[in-house]
Amino acid sequence: MREHQVTGPAGRVLSVVEDGDPRGRPVFALHGTPGGRLLYGRHVADAKKKGIRLIGYSRPGYGASTEHRGRSMADNAADVAAVADALGVDRFGVWGHSGGGSPALACAARLPGRVVAASCLAGVAPYRADGLDYTAGMGELNVEEFRRMTSDPAGWEKKLEADMIALRNAEPEQVLEMWKSLLSPVDLDAISPDLVEFLMRQVKEGIAPGSAGMRDDSLSLVVPWGFEFRDVRVPHQVWHGGHDRFVPFSHGRWLVAQLPRSESHLDPEEGHLTLYQRRIPEVHDWILSHF
């Protein structure tokens, strides 16, 4: 693993790791919400085998990355471009899971000359998306988060900071209990000891400085995203599972409807974590086919 501190837009610091094949095809892996730059061992092993230089970075406010209050979804593309510039990378692939899915689409829309292909797995739709009942099918924990965020922003921010403190100090069993309304049976079956250990390590590094990263990830969903779906013209995929309670299946269907050129993988048998645990090797193969 190679670690970097990169200077991003407006002089902000972006904390970066890369692993896999250092001479391989560059592919960005964009983390969920909350999360951080660390890369899952199974994904790294697949990258090494296939000749992929796998790159992760912490979005602003997570880990050692400087906070960027008021950031939009499109701002993620500028940050990815800054990381790529610092690492000497011209063209690259990108995939993102959960809270990283929409930023992957932002990269596809805003960096068409550099992104060879983008994959959005379990990605979130815009909060005021026409024709979408946003929280239908969502676990109670996330429903309550969106309710608080939109009805009592100041109270939500105060509670969010307390929640991040609790999460930093939690053991794996406590985290699974916190997430119980979000974990469908298929996701529970997919949880392995190495995945739990990784997620705990990634999340705890990401939220070590506080709640700013998760706060701004969440707020970026409810303001204009800064790009149009019609601008996503590079090859792109949308993956979503029918048993997803973190981000309901309807979000995936909505995204596919807005992205008629997408390669669609709407699978009623998949969940949220199952995509992260099982499907990234397929995503890697697909991205490599577009270099």
Foldseek 3Di string as FASTA:
>chain_A
DDWDWFQFPPRWTKTKDKAAAPQAAEEEEEEAFPFAFDDAPVLNVLRNVVRYTYMGIGDDQFFRTHFDPPDALLVLLRRVVRVCVVSVAAAHEYEYAELGQSNQLSNLLPPVVHYLEYEGELYAAAPPDPPDPFQVLAFPLVVVLVVCCVPPVVVSQVVLQVVLVCLLPDDLVVVCVSCVSFQFPQNVVLDDPSNSVVRSVGSNSTQVVTRSSNSRSVVNRHDDRPGALVSNDRAYAYAYECAGNNGHLVRSVSSCVRNVRYDYHYYPHDYRVCCVRPPVSVVVVVSVVRD
